[in-house]
Amino acid sequence: MNFIIWILSGILAGWLTGKIMKGSGYGILGDLALGLLGAVVGGFLAGLFGLEATSWIGQIVVAVVGGIVLVWVVRKIKG
């Protein structure tokens, strides 16, 4: 069940990241994929700082922050 919540959090995070970061975006599927990857990045970054998202809302916040970081890095690389 946690895996399904993690996937749904990542998808929601991708949508939110697309809205927050503005710009041309990567299309709906691209934003959702980046959201899923962002959830992984966010979880990794949270772990580095000793943080743990125990609630569904906390997982969304961590995933959105990870998505924002990931989109920022991708945009810097692409120029």
PDB file of N, CA and C in Angstrom:
ATOM      1  N   MET A   1       0.816  -1.199   0.000  1.00  0.00           N
ATOM      2  CA  MET A   1       0.000   0.000   0.000  1.00  0.00           C
ATOM      3  C   MET A   1       0.861   1.265   0.000  1.00  0.00           C
ATOM      4  N   ASN A   2       1.968   1.239   0.748  1.00  0.00           N
ATOM      5  CA  ASN A   2       2.850   2.403   0.776  1.00  0.00           C
ATOM      6  C   ASN A   2       3.395   2.719  -0.607  1.00  0.00           C
ATOM      7  N   PHE A   3       3.650   1.675  -1.405  1.00  0.00           N
ATOM      8  CA  PHE A   3       4.175   1.886  -2.751  1.00  0.00           C
ATOM      9  C   PHE A   3       3.158   2.639  -3.604  1.00  0.00           C
ATOM     10  N   ILE A   4       1.894   2.292  -3.492  1.00  0.00           N
ATOM     11  CA  ILE A   4       0.844   2.976  -4.256  1.00  0.00           C
ATOM     12  C   ILE A   4       0.740   4.434  -3.816  1.00  0.00           C
ATOM     13  N   ILE A   5       0.810   4.678  -2.514  1.00  0.00           N
ATOM     14  CA  ILE A   5       0.775   6.057  -2.014  1.00  0.00           C
ATOM     15  C   ILE A   5       1.990   6.821  -2.517  1.00  0.00           C
ATOM     16  N   TRP A   6       3.149   6.175  -2.540  1.00  0.00           N
ATOM     17  CA  TRP A   6       4.373   6.806  -3.036  1.00  0.00           C
ATOM     18  C   TRP A   6       4.216   7.188  -4.511  1.00  0.00           C
ATOM     19  N   ILE A   7       3.654   6.283  -5.325  1.00  0.00           N
ATOM     20  CA  ILE A   7       3.430   6.560  -6.752  1.00  0.00           C
ATOM     21  C   ILE A   7       2.445   7.722  -6.912  1.00  0.00           C
ATOM     22  N   LEU A   8       1.332   7.678  -6.198  1.00  0.00           N
ATOM     23  CA  LEU A   8       0.344   8.758  -6.289  1.00  0.00           C
ATOM     24  C   LEU A   8       0.928  10.087  -5.819  1.00  0.00           C
ATOM     25  N   SER A   9       1.735  10.047  -4.777  1.00  0.00           N
ATOM     26  CA  SER A   9       2.399  11.264  -4.299  1.00  0.00           C
ATOM     27  C   SER A   9       3.323  11.818  -5.372  1.00  0.00           C
ATOM     28  N   GLY A  10       4.064  10.942  -6.026  1.00  0.00           N
ATOM     29  CA  GLY A  10       4.970  11.373  -7.085  1.00  0.00           C
ATOM     30  C   GLY A  10       4.236  11.985  -8.265  1.00  0.00           C
ATOM     31  N   ILE A  11       3.117  11.390  -8.644  1.00  0.00           N
ATOM     32  CA  ILE A  11       2.327  11.927  -9.755  1.00  0.00           C
ATOM     33  C   ILE A  11       1.756  13.292  -9.393  1.00  0.00           C
ATOM     34  N   LEU A  12       1.201  13.402  -8.201  1.00  0.00           N
ATOM     35  CA  LEU A  12       0.685  14.695  -7.748  1.00  0.00           C
ATOM     36  C   LEU A  12       1.817  15.715  -7.656  1.00  0.00           C
ATOM     37  N   ALA A  13       2.962  15.282  -7.178  1.00  0.00           N
ATOM     38  CA  ALA A  13       4.124  16.174  -7.085  1.00  0.00           C
ATOM     39  C   ALA A  13       4.562  16.646  -8.465  1.00  0.00           C
ATOM     40  N   GLY A  14       4.512  15.770  -9.457  1.00  0.00           N
ATOM     41  CA  GLY A  14       4.869  16.168 -10.821  1.00  0.00           C
ATOM     42  C   GLY A  14       3.951  17.247 -11.348  1.00  0.00           C
ATOM     43  N   TRP A  15       2.678  17.090 -11.095  1.00  0.00           N
ATOM     44  CA  TRP A  15       1.714  18.101 -11.530  1.00  0.00           C
ATOM     45  C   TRP A  15       1.972  19.422 -10.816  1.00  0.00           C
ATOM     46  N   LEU A  16       2.162  19.360  -9.491  1.00  0.00           N
ATOM     47  CA  LEU A  16       2.423  20.577  -8.716  1.00  0.00           C
ATOM     48  C   LEU A  16       3.733  21.238  -9.133  1.00  0.00           C
ATOM     49  N   THR A  17       4.754  20.433  -9.374  1.00  0.00           N
ATOM     50  CA  THR A  17       6.045  20.975  -9.804  1.00  0.00           C
ATOM     51  C   THR A  17       5.901  21.702 -11.124  1.00  0.00           C
ATOM     52  N   GLY A  18       5.149  21.131 -12.057  1.00  0.00           N
ATOM     53  CA  GLY A  18       4.905  21.786 -13.341  1.00  0.00           C
ATOM     54  C   GLY A  18       4.232  23.140 -13.166  1.00  0.00           C
ATOM     55  N   LYS A  19       3.309  23.233 -12.217  1.00  0.00           N
ATOM     56  CA  LYS A  19       2.618  24.504 -11.952  1.00  0.00           C
ATOM     57  C   LYS A  19       3.535  25.512 -11.263  1.00  0.00           C
ATOM     58  N   ILE A  20       4.364  25.044 -10.344  1.00  0.00           N
ATOM     59  CA  ILE A  20       5.243  25.932  -9.582  1.00  0.00           C
ATOM     60  C   ILE A  20       6.389  26.458 -10.439  1.00  0.00           C
ATOM     61  N   MET A  21       6.998  25.594 -11.248  1.00  0.00           N
ATOM     62  CA  MET A  21       8.208  25.959 -11.986  1.00  0.00           C
ATOM     63  C   MET A  21       7.923  26.775 -13.240  1.00  0.00           C
ATOM     64  N   LYS A  22       6.691  26.801 -13.684  1.00  0.00           N
ATOM     65  CA  LYS A  22       6.295  27.580 -14.868  1.00  0.00           C
ATOM     66  C   LYS A  22       7.146  27.192 -16.081  1.00  0.00           C
ATOM     67  N   GLY A  23       7.234  28.090 -17.048  1.00  0.00           N
ATOM     68  CA  GLY A  23       8.015  27.804 -18.252  1.00  0.00           C
ATOM     69  C   GLY A  23       7.247  26.898 -19.186  1.00  0.00           C
ATOM     70  N   SER A  24       7.949  26.375 -20.176  1.00  0.00           N
ATOM     71  CA  SER A  24       7.309  25.556 -21.201  1.00  0.00           C
ATOM     72  C   SER A  24       6.909  24.185 -20.680  1.00  0.00           C
ATOM     73  N   GLY A  25       7.545  23.724 -19.623  1.00  0.00           N
ATOM     74  CA  GLY A  25       7.226  22.423 -19.067  1.00  0.00           C
ATOM     75  C   GLY A  25       7.676  21.300 -19.985  1.00  0.00           C
ATOM     76  N   TYR A  26       7.323  20.108 -19.627  1.00  0.00           N
ATOM     77  CA  TYR A  26       7.719  18.924 -20.389  1.00  0.00           C
ATOM     78  C   TYR A  26       6.501  18.131 -20.830  1.00  0.00           C
ATOM     79  N   GLY A  27       5.343  18.768 -20.841  1.00  0.00           N
ATOM     80  CA  GLY A  27       4.110  18.072 -21.172  1.00  0.00           C
ATOM     81  C   GLY A  27       3.616  17.317 -19.947  1.00  0.00           C
ATOM     82  N   ILE A  28       2.408  16.863 -20.000  1.00  0.00           N
ATOM     83  CA  ILE A  28       1.806  16.220 -18.834  1.00  0.00           C
ATOM     84  C   ILE A  28       2.555  14.948 -18.452  1.00  0.00           C
ATOM     85  N   LEU A  29       2.903  14.120 -19.430  1.00  0.00           N
ATOM     86  CA  LEU A  29       3.613  12.879 -19.110  1.00  0.00           C
ATOM     87  C   LEU A  29       5.020  13.161 -18.607  1.00  0.00           C
ATOM     88  N   GLY A  30       5.680  14.133 -19.215  1.00  0.00           N
ATOM     89  CA  GLY A  30       7.021  14.509 -18.763  1.00  0.00           C
ATOM     90  C   GLY A  30       6.997  15.053 -17.351  1.00  0.00           C
ATOM     91  N   ASP A  31       6.026  15.905 -17.054  1.00  0.00           N
ATOM     92  CA  ASP A  31       5.899  16.456 -15.701  1.00  0.00           C
ATOM     93  C   ASP A  31       5.627  15.350 -14.679  1.00  0.00           C
ATOM     94  N   LEU A  32       4.763  14.417 -15.045  1.00  0.00           N
ATOM     95  CA  LEU A  32       4.453  13.328 -14.123  1.00  0.00           C
ATOM     96  C   LEU A  32       5.668  12.430 -13.900  1.00  0.00           C
ATOM     97  N   ALA A  33       6.409  12.151 -14.978  1.00  0.00           N
ATOM     98  CA  ALA A  33       7.629  11.342 -14.845  1.00  0.00           C
ATOM     99  C   ALA A  33       8.657  12.053 -13.975  1.00  0.00           C
ATOM    100  N   LEU A  34       8.829  13.356 -14.202  1.00  0.00           N
ATOM    101  CA  LEU A  34       9.757  14.113 -13.363  1.00  0.00           C
ATOM    102  C   LEU A  34       9.277  14.140 -11.916  1.00  0.00           C
ATOM    103  N   GLY A  35       7.985  14.152 -11.718  1.00  0.00           N
ATOM    104  CA  GLY A  35       7.447  14.098 -10.360  1.00  0.00           C
ATOM    105  C   GLY A  35       7.793  12.796  -9.660  1.00  0.00           C
ATOM    106  N   LEU A  36       7.673  11.693 -10.393  1.00  0.00           N
ATOM    107  CA  LEU A  36       8.043  10.405  -9.808  1.00  0.00           C
ATOM    108  C   LEU A  36       9.528  10.368  -9.474  1.00  0.00           C
ATOM    109  N   LEU A  37      10.356  10.821 -10.414  1.00  0.00           N
ATOM    110  CA  LEU A  37      11.798  10.885 -10.145  1.00  0.00           C
ATOM    111  C   LEU A  37      12.094  11.882  -9.033  1.00  0.00           C
ATOM    112  N   GLY A  38      11.351  12.974  -9.025  1.00  0.00           N
ATOM    113  CA  GLY A  38      11.514  13.977  -7.977  1.00  0.00           C
ATOM    114  C   GLY A  38      11.190  13.422  -6.603  1.00  0.00           C
ATOM    115  N   ALA A  39      10.223  12.518  -6.537  1.00  0.00           N
ATOM    116  CA  ALA A  39       9.897  11.883  -5.262  1.00  0.00           C
ATOM    117  C   ALA A  39      11.094  11.094  -4.745  1.00  0.00           C
ATOM    118  N   VAL A  40      11.781  10.428  -5.654  1.00  0.00           N
ATOM    119  CA  VAL A  40      12.987   9.685  -5.272  1.00  0.00           C
ATOM    120  C   VAL A  40      14.076  10.649  -4.819  1.00  0.00           C
ATOM    121  N   VAL A  41      14.304  11.710  -5.612  1.00  0.00           N
ATOM    122  CA  VAL A  41      15.313  12.717  -5.264  1.00  0.00           C
ATOM    123  C   VAL A  41      14.966  13.368  -3.929  1.00  0.00           C
ATOM    124  N   GLY A  42      13.709  13.733  -3.758  1.00  0.00           N
ATOM    125  CA  GLY A  42      13.272  14.360  -2.511  1.00  0.00           C
ATOM    126  C   GLY A  42      13.477  13.451  -1.312  1.00  0.00           C
ATOM    127  N   GLY A  43      13.156  12.181  -1.474  1.00  0.00           N
ATOM    128  CA  GLY A  43      13.375  11.222  -0.391  1.00  0.00           C
ATOM    129  C   GLY A  43      14.845  11.090  -0.045  1.00  0.00           C
ATOM    130  N   PHE A  44      15.689  11.077  -1.074  1.00  0.00           N
ATOM    131  CA  PHE A  44      17.135  11.003  -0.861  1.00  0.00           C
ATOM    132  C   PHE A  44      17.636  12.242  -0.128  1.00  0.00           C
ATOM    133  N   LEU A  45      17.212  13.430  -0.609  1.00  0.00           N
ATOM    134  CA  LEU A  45      17.648  14.679   0.028  1.00  0.00           C
ATOM    135  C   LEU A  45      17.150  14.775   1.469  1.00  0.00           C
ATOM    136  N   ALA A  46      15.915  14.366   1.703  1.00  0.00           N
ATOM    137  CA  ALA A  46      15.379  14.392   3.063  1.00  0.00           C
ATOM    138  C   ALA A  46      16.201  13.479   3.969  1.00  0.00           C
ATOM    139  N   GLY A  47      16.565  12.317   3.446  1.00  0.00           N
ATOM    140  CA  GLY A  47      17.391  11.391   4.217  1.00  0.00           C
ATOM    141  C   GLY A  47      18.754  11.972   4.550  1.00  0.00           C
ATOM    142  N   LEU A  48      19.331  12.717   3.606  1.00  0.00           N
ATOM    143  CA  LEU A  48      20.626  13.353   3.856  1.00  0.00           C
ATOM    144  C   LEU A  48      20.558  14.341   5.015  1.00  0.00           C
ATOM    145  N   PHE A  49      19.423  15.005   5.148  1.00  0.00           N
ATOM    146  CA  PHE A  49      19.249  15.991   6.207  1.00  0.00           C
ATOM    147  C   PHE A  49      18.598  15.400   7.460  1.00  0.00           C
ATOM    148  N   GLY A  50      18.433  14.079   7.478  1.00  0.00           N
ATOM    149  CA  GLY A  50      17.866  13.420   8.646  1.00  0.00           C
ATOM    150  C   GLY A  50      16.373  13.637   8.817  1.00  0.00           C
ATOM    151  N   LEU A  51      15.686  13.985   7.739  1.00  0.00           N
ATOM    152  CA  LEU A  51      14.242  14.218   7.794  1.00  0.00           C
ATOM    153  C   LEU A  51      13.502  12.984   7.309  1.00  0.00           C
ATOM    154  N   GLU A  52      12.311  12.776   7.837  1.00  0.00           N
ATOM    155  CA  GLU A  52      11.490  11.653   7.412  1.00  0.00           C
ATOM    156  C   GLU A  52      10.049  12.118   7.257  1.00  0.00           C
ATOM    157  N   ALA A  53       9.482  11.883   6.088  1.00  0.00           N
ATOM    158  CA  ALA A  53       8.087  12.250   5.829  1.00  0.00           C
ATOM    159  C   ALA A  53       7.219  11.063   6.220  1.00  0.00           C
ATOM    160  N   THR A  54       6.497  11.202   7.314  1.00  0.00           N
ATOM    161  CA  THR A  54       5.691  10.083   7.798  1.00  0.00           C
ATOM    162  C   THR A  54       4.229  10.173   7.378  1.00  0.00           C
ATOM    163  N   SER A  55       3.768  11.353   7.025  1.00  0.00           N
ATOM    164  CA  SER A  55       2.374  11.502   6.603  1.00  0.00           C
ATOM    165  C   SER A  55       2.300  11.637   5.083  1.00  0.00           C
ATOM    166  N   TRP A  56       1.105  11.491   4.567  1.00  0.00           N
ATOM    167  CA  TRP A  56       0.888  11.619   3.128  1.00  0.00           C
ATOM    168  C   TRP A  56       1.236  13.026   2.661  1.00  0.00           C
ATOM    169  N   ILE A  57       0.849  14.024   3.437  1.00  0.00           N
ATOM    170  CA  ILE A  57       1.155  15.420   3.097  1.00  0.00           C
ATOM    171  C   ILE A  57       2.666  15.636   3.120  1.00  0.00           C
ATOM    172  N   GLY A  58       3.329  15.079   4.114  1.00  0.00           N
ATOM    173  CA  GLY A  58       4.785  15.191   4.193  1.00  0.00           C
ATOM    174  C   GLY A  58       5.461  14.575   2.984  1.00  0.00           C
ATOM    175  N   GLN A  59       4.952  13.440   2.526  1.00  0.00           N
ATOM    176  CA  GLN A  59       5.503  12.790   1.340  1.00  0.00           C
ATOM    177  C   GLN A  59       5.320  13.665   0.108  1.00  0.00           C
ATOM    178  N   ILE A  60       4.167  14.321   0.003  1.00  0.00           N
ATOM    179  CA  ILE A  60       3.913  15.215  -1.132  1.00  0.00           C
ATOM    180  C   ILE A  60       4.899  16.377  -1.102  1.00  0.00           C
ATOM    181  N   VAL A  61       5.085  16.962   0.071  1.00  0.00           N
ATOM    182  CA  VAL A  61       6.008  18.097   0.193  1.00  0.00           C
ATOM    183  C   VAL A  61       7.418  17.676  -0.202  1.00  0.00           C
ATOM    184  N   VAL A  62       7.870  16.540   0.305  1.00  0.00           N
ATOM    185  CA  VAL A  62       9.206  16.042  -0.027  1.00  0.00           C
ATOM    186  C   VAL A  62       9.309  15.776  -1.527  1.00  0.00           C
ATOM    187  N   ALA A  63       8.280  15.176  -2.114  1.00  0.00           N
ATOM    188  CA  ALA A  63       8.295  14.879  -3.545  1.00  0.00           C
ATOM    189  C   ALA A  63       8.292  16.155  -4.381  1.00  0.00           C
ATOM    190  N   VAL A  64       7.521  17.157  -3.976  1.00  0.00           N
ATOM    191  CA  VAL A  64       7.482  18.427  -4.719  1.00  0.00           C
ATOM    192  C   VAL A  64       8.838  19.117  -4.648  1.00  0.00           C
ATOM    193  N   VAL A  65       9.440  19.148  -3.467  1.00  0.00           N
ATOM    194  CA  VAL A  65      10.766  19.762  -3.340  1.00  0.00           C
ATOM    195  C   VAL A  65      11.769  19.011  -4.213  1.00  0.00           C
ATOM    196  N   GLY A  66      11.714  17.694  -4.191  1.00  0.00           N
ATOM    197  CA  GLY A  66      12.592  16.901  -5.053  1.00  0.00           C
ATOM    198  C   GLY A  66      12.333  17.175  -6.524  1.00  0.00           C
ATOM    199  N   GLY A  67      11.059  17.305  -6.896  1.00  0.00           N
ATOM    200  CA  GLY A  67      10.708  17.621  -8.284  1.00  0.00           C
ATOM    201  C   GLY A  67      11.222  18.978  -8.705  1.00  0.00           C
ATOM    202  N   ILE A  68      11.109  19.960  -7.823  1.00  0.00           N
ATOM    203  CA  ILE A  68      11.606  21.304  -8.131  1.00  0.00           C
ATOM    204  C   ILE A  68      13.115  21.266  -8.328  1.00  0.00           C
ATOM    205  N   VAL A  69      13.818  20.569  -7.440  1.00  0.00           N
ATOM    206  CA  VAL A  69      15.276  20.445  -7.574  1.00  0.00           C
ATOM    207  C   VAL A  69      15.619  19.749  -8.887  1.00  0.00           C
ATOM    208  N   LEU A  70      14.913  18.674  -9.195  1.00  0.00           N
ATOM    209  CA  LEU A  70      15.190  17.923 -10.418  1.00  0.00           C
ATOM    210  C   LEU A  70      14.919  18.757 -11.666  1.00  0.00           C
ATOM    211  N   VAL A  71      13.804  19.458 -11.719  1.00  0.00           N
ATOM    212  CA  VAL A  71      13.487  20.305 -12.876  1.00  0.00           C
ATOM    213  C   VAL A  71      14.519  21.422 -13.012  1.00  0.00           C
ATOM    214  N   TRP A  72      14.928  22.015 -11.904  1.00  0.00           N
ATOM    215  CA  TRP A  72      15.939  23.077 -11.932  1.00  0.00           C
ATOM    216  C   TRP A  72      17.247  22.545 -12.520  1.00  0.00           C
ATOM    217  N   VAL A  73      17.674  21.362 -12.081  1.00  0.00           N
ATOM    218  CA  VAL A  73      18.914  20.762 -12.593  1.00  0.00           C
ATOM    219  C   VAL A  73      18.782  20.453 -14.080  1.00  0.00           C
ATOM    220  N   VAL A  74      17.659  19.868 -14.488  1.00  0.00           N
ATOM    221  CA  VAL A  74      17.451  19.534 -15.904  1.00  0.00           C
ATOM    222  C   VAL A  74      17.473  20.798 -16.757  1.00  0.00           C
ATOM    223  N   ARG A  75      16.835  21.862 -16.287  1.00  0.00           N
ATOM    224  CA  ARG A  75      16.826  23.119 -17.052  1.00  0.00           C
ATOM    225  C   ARG A  75      18.217  23.727 -17.136  1.00  0.00           C
ATOM    226  N   LYS A  76      19.014  23.615 -16.085  1.00  0.00           N
ATOM    227  CA  LYS A  76      20.386  24.134 -16.110  1.00  0.00           C
ATOM    228  C   LYS A  76      21.239  23.348 -17.103  1.00  0.00           C
ATOM    229  N   ILE A  77      21.059  22.050 -17.142  1.00  0.00           N
ATOM    230  CA  ILE A  77      21.829  21.203 -18.059  1.00  0.00           C
ATOM    231  C   ILE A  77      21.427  21.475 -19.505  1.00  0.00           C
ATOM    232  N   LYS A  78      20.128  21.588 -19.761  1.00  0.00           N
ATOM    233  CA  LYS A  78      19.641  21.823 -21.127  1.00  0.00           C
ATOM    234  C   LYS A  78      19.912  23.242 -21.597  1.00  0.00           C
ATOM    235  N   GLY A  79      20.146  24.138 -20.651  1.00  0.00           N
ATOM    236  CA  GLY A  79      20.458  25.527 -21.004  1.00  0.00           C
ATOM    237  C   GLY A  79      19.256  26.309 -21.203  1.00  0.00           C
TER     238      GLY A  79
END
